[in-house]
């Protein structure tokens, strides 16, 4: 899974660098790979990029982002 994340991130980085539009779902896929690795904030960042790049994904990405933010909030509340 780590190798896939690295390759996908390199591909997306090259596309962004050349100002090419990243294909639908690639930001979301990267976000999911980060989420599975326990990097919630990175997942949120990529879900936000997906939402901004592809308006048709707005509802789903917003829902995922809000759920992750609530989990982060709840987790930080229990640690205090």
N, C-alpha and C. Protein backbone atom coordinates (compact mmCIF):
# COMPACT_ATOMS: atom_id res chain seq x y z
N UNK A 1 0.84 -1.19 0.00
CA UNK A 1 0.00 0.00 0.00
C UNK A 1 0.88 1.25 0.00
N UNK A 2 1.99 1.20 0.70
CA UNK A 2 2.91 2.34 0.77
C UNK A 2 3.47 2.65 -0.62
N UNK A 3 3.83 1.61 -1.38
CA UNK A 3 4.37 1.81 -2.72
C UNK A 3 3.34 2.47 -3.63
N UNK A 4 2.09 2.06 -3.52
CA UNK A 4 1.03 2.66 -4.31
C UNK A 4 0.88 4.13 -3.96
N UNK A 5 0.88 4.44 -2.67
CA UNK A 5 0.75 5.83 -2.22
C UNK A 5 1.87 6.69 -2.79
N UNK A 6 3.08 6.18 -2.73
CA UNK A 6 4.23 6.94 -3.22
C UNK A 6 4.12 7.20 -4.72
N UNK A 7 3.76 6.16 -5.48
CA UNK A 7 3.61 6.32 -6.93
C UNK A 7 2.48 7.28 -7.28
N UNK A 8 1.37 7.13 -6.60
CA UNK A 8 0.21 7.98 -6.87
C UNK A 8 0.51 9.43 -6.50
N UNK A 9 1.17 9.62 -5.40
CA UNK A 9 1.52 10.98 -4.97
C UNK A 9 2.50 11.62 -5.96
N UNK A 10 3.45 10.85 -6.47
CA UNK A 10 4.40 11.37 -7.47
C UNK A 10 3.66 11.75 -8.75
N UNK A 11 2.74 10.89 -9.17
CA UNK A 11 1.96 11.16 -10.37
C UNK A 11 1.13 12.44 -10.21
N UNK A 12 0.44 12.57 -9.10
CA UNK A 12 -0.38 13.75 -8.84
C UNK A 12 0.51 15.00 -8.76
N UNK A 13 1.65 14.88 -8.12
CA UNK A 13 2.58 16.00 -8.02
C UNK A 13 3.04 16.48 -9.38
N UNK A 14 3.34 15.55 -10.27
CA UNK A 14 3.76 15.91 -11.63
C UNK A 14 2.63 16.60 -12.39
N UNK A 15 1.42 16.10 -12.22
CA UNK A 15 0.27 16.71 -12.88
C UNK A 15 0.05 18.13 -12.38
N UNK A 16 0.14 18.31 -11.06
CA UNK A 16 -0.05 19.64 -10.49
C UNK A 16 1.05 20.59 -10.98
N UNK A 17 2.28 20.09 -11.03
CA UNK A 17 3.42 20.90 -11.46
C UNK A 17 3.25 21.38 -12.90
N UNK A 18 2.67 20.56 -13.74
CA UNK A 18 2.48 20.93 -15.14
C UNK A 18 1.11 21.59 -15.37
N UNK A 19 0.41 21.92 -14.29
CA UNK A 19 -0.91 22.55 -14.35
C UNK A 19 -1.95 21.73 -15.10
N UNK A 20 -1.77 20.42 -15.11
CA UNK A 20 -2.76 19.52 -15.71
C UNK A 20 -3.82 19.20 -14.67
N UNK A 21 -5.02 18.97 -15.12
CA UNK A 21 -6.10 18.63 -14.19
C UNK A 21 -5.94 17.17 -13.74
N UNK A 22 -5.94 16.98 -12.45
CA UNK A 22 -5.82 15.63 -11.88
C UNK A 22 -7.14 14.89 -12.12
N UNK A 23 -7.04 13.67 -12.56
CA UNK A 23 -8.23 12.87 -12.89
C UNK A 23 -9.15 12.71 -11.68
N UNK A 24 -10.45 12.61 -11.93
CA UNK A 24 -11.40 12.45 -10.83
C UNK A 24 -11.08 11.21 -10.01
N UNK A 25 -11.11 11.39 -8.71
CA UNK A 25 -10.92 10.27 -7.79
C UNK A 25 -9.49 10.08 -7.32
N UNK A 26 -8.50 10.67 -7.99
CA UNK A 26 -7.11 10.44 -7.57
C UNK A 26 -6.79 11.09 -6.23
N UNK A 27 -7.26 12.32 -6.05
CA UNK A 27 -7.04 12.96 -4.74
C UNK A 27 -7.74 12.16 -3.64
N UNK A 28 -8.97 11.72 -3.92
CA UNK A 28 -9.72 10.94 -2.94
C UNK A 28 -9.02 9.62 -2.62
N UNK A 29 -8.47 8.99 -3.64
CA UNK A 29 -7.75 7.73 -3.43
C UNK A 29 -6.54 7.95 -2.54
N UNK A 30 -5.80 9.02 -2.82
CA UNK A 30 -4.65 9.34 -1.97
C UNK A 30 -5.10 9.61 -0.53
N UNK A 31 -6.20 10.34 -0.40
CA UNK A 31 -6.73 10.62 0.92
C UNK A 31 -7.07 9.35 1.68
N UNK A 32 -7.67 8.40 0.99
CA UNK A 32 -8.03 7.13 1.61
C UNK A 32 -6.79 6.33 2.02
N UNK A 33 -5.77 6.36 1.17
CA UNK A 33 -4.52 5.67 1.52
C UNK A 33 -3.89 6.29 2.77
N UNK A 34 -3.92 7.60 2.86
CA UNK A 34 -3.40 8.26 4.07
C UNK A 34 -4.26 7.94 5.29
N UNK A 35 -5.57 7.92 5.09
CA UNK A 35 -6.46 7.60 6.21
C UNK A 35 -6.18 6.20 6.74
N UNK A 36 -6.00 5.25 5.84
CA UNK A 36 -5.69 3.87 6.26
C UNK A 36 -4.35 3.79 6.98
N UNK A 37 -3.45 4.72 6.66
CA UNK A 37 -2.14 4.74 7.32
C UNK A 37 -2.18 5.52 8.63
N UNK A 38 -3.34 6.07 8.97
CA UNK A 38 -3.48 6.80 10.23
C UNK A 38 -3.18 8.28 10.16
N UNK A 39 -3.00 8.82 8.96
CA UNK A 39 -2.69 10.24 8.78
C UNK A 39 -3.98 10.98 8.42
N UNK A 40 -4.81 11.22 9.42
CA UNK A 40 -6.13 11.79 9.20
C UNK A 40 -6.08 13.18 8.57
N UNK A 41 -5.19 14.05 9.04
CA UNK A 41 -5.14 15.40 8.49
C UNK A 41 -4.73 15.40 7.02
N UNK A 42 -3.80 14.53 6.65
CA UNK A 42 -3.41 14.42 5.23
C UNK A 42 -4.60 13.92 4.41
N UNK A 43 -5.37 13.00 4.97
CA UNK A 43 -6.56 12.50 4.28
C UNK A 43 -7.54 13.65 4.04
N UNK A 44 -7.76 14.45 5.06
CA UNK A 44 -8.66 15.60 4.93
C UNK A 44 -8.15 16.56 3.85
N UNK A 45 -6.85 16.78 3.83
CA UNK A 45 -6.26 17.68 2.83
C UNK A 45 -6.54 17.18 1.41
N UNK A 46 -6.36 15.89 1.19
CA UNK A 46 -6.59 15.35 -0.15
C UNK A 46 -8.08 15.28 -0.48
N UNK A 47 -8.93 15.00 0.49
CA UNK A 47 -10.37 15.02 0.25
C UNK A 47 -10.82 16.44 -0.11
N UNK A 48 -10.21 17.44 0.52
CA UNK A 48 -10.52 18.83 0.21
C UNK A 48 -10.10 19.16 -1.22
N UNK A 49 -8.93 18.68 -1.63
CA UNK A 49 -8.49 18.91 -3.01
C UNK A 49 -9.46 18.27 -4.00
N UNK A 50 -9.91 17.07 -3.69
CA UNK A 50 -10.88 16.38 -4.57
C UNK A 50 -12.16 17.19 -4.67
N UNK A 51 -12.65 17.66 -3.55
CA UNK A 51 -13.89 18.44 -3.51
C UNK A 51 -13.74 19.72 -4.34
N UNK A 52 -12.59 20.37 -4.23
CA UNK A 52 -12.38 21.62 -4.96
C UNK A 52 -12.16 21.39 -6.46
N UNK A 53 -11.54 20.29 -6.81
CA UNK A 53 -11.26 20.01 -8.22
C UNK A 53 -12.48 19.49 -8.98
N UNK A 54 -13.32 18.75 -8.29
CA UNK A 54 -14.45 18.10 -8.94
C UNK A 54 -15.74 18.40 -8.19
N UNK A 55 -16.47 19.44 -8.59
CA UNK A 55 -17.69 19.85 -7.88
C UNK A 55 -18.71 18.73 -7.70
N UNK A 56 -18.74 17.78 -8.62
CA UNK A 56 -19.72 16.70 -8.49
C UNK A 56 -19.41 15.78 -7.29
N UNK A 57 -18.21 15.91 -6.74
CA UNK A 57 -17.86 15.10 -5.56
C UNK A 57 -18.09 15.87 -4.26
N UNK A 58 -18.57 17.10 -4.37
CA UNK A 58 -18.69 17.99 -3.21
C UNK A 58 -19.45 17.36 -2.03
N UNK A 59 -20.60 16.78 -2.29
CA UNK A 59 -21.42 16.24 -1.20
C UNK A 59 -20.69 15.11 -0.48
N UNK A 60 -20.16 14.17 -1.24
CA UNK A 60 -19.47 13.03 -0.63
C UNK A 60 -18.21 13.48 0.12
N UNK A 61 -17.40 14.31 -0.52
CA UNK A 61 -16.14 14.74 0.11
C UNK A 61 -16.41 15.58 1.35
N UNK A 62 -17.40 16.45 1.29
CA UNK A 62 -17.76 17.27 2.45
C UNK A 62 -18.19 16.37 3.61
N UNK A 63 -18.97 15.36 3.31
CA UNK A 63 -19.41 14.43 4.35
C UNK A 63 -18.22 13.69 4.98
N UNK A 64 -17.32 13.20 4.15
CA UNK A 64 -16.12 12.51 4.66
C UNK A 64 -15.28 13.44 5.53
N UNK A 65 -15.07 14.65 5.04
CA UNK A 65 -14.26 15.62 5.78
C UNK A 65 -14.90 15.92 7.13
N UNK A 66 -16.19 16.18 7.14
CA UNK A 66 -16.88 16.50 8.39
C UNK A 66 -16.81 15.34 9.37
N UNK A 67 -16.98 14.12 8.89
CA UNK A 67 -16.89 12.95 9.77
C UNK A 67 -15.49 12.82 10.37
N UNK A 68 -14.47 13.02 9.56
CA UNK A 68 -13.09 12.93 10.07
C UNK A 68 -12.79 14.05 11.06
N UNK A 69 -13.27 15.24 10.78
CA UNK A 69 -13.05 16.36 11.70
C UNK A 69 -13.76 16.11 13.03
N UNK A 70 -14.95 15.52 12.98
CA UNK A 70 -15.66 15.18 14.24
C UNK A 70 -14.88 14.14 15.02
N UNK A 71 -14.32 13.14 14.32
CA UNK A 71 -13.52 12.12 15.00
C UNK A 71 -12.27 12.74 15.62
N UNK A 72 -11.63 13.64 14.90
CA UNK A 72 -10.45 14.32 15.45
C UNK A 72 -10.82 15.12 16.69
N UNK A 73 -11.94 15.81 16.60
CA UNK A 73 -12.41 16.63 17.72
C UNK A 73 -12.72 15.77 18.94
N UNK A 74 -13.39 14.67 18.71
CA UNK A 74 -13.74 13.76 19.81
C UNK A 74 -12.48 13.17 20.41
N UNK A 75 -11.52 12.80 19.58
CA UNK A 75 -10.27 12.21 20.07
C UNK A 75 -9.47 13.21 20.89
N UNK A 76 -9.42 14.45 20.42
CA UNK A 76 -8.66 15.46 21.18
C UNK A 76 -9.38 15.83 22.47
N UNK A 77 -10.71 15.71 22.46
CA UNK A 77 -11.48 15.99 23.68
C UNK A 77 -11.26 14.94 24.75
N UNK A 78 -11.04 13.69 24.36
CA UNK A 78 -10.82 12.62 25.33
C UNK A 78 -9.38 12.63 25.86
N UNK A 79 -8.47 13.28 25.13
CA UNK A 79 -7.07 13.30 25.56
C UNK A 79 -6.80 14.40 26.59
N UNK A 80 -7.74 15.35 26.71
CA UNK A 80 -7.50 16.48 27.62
C UNK A 80 -7.80 16.14 29.04
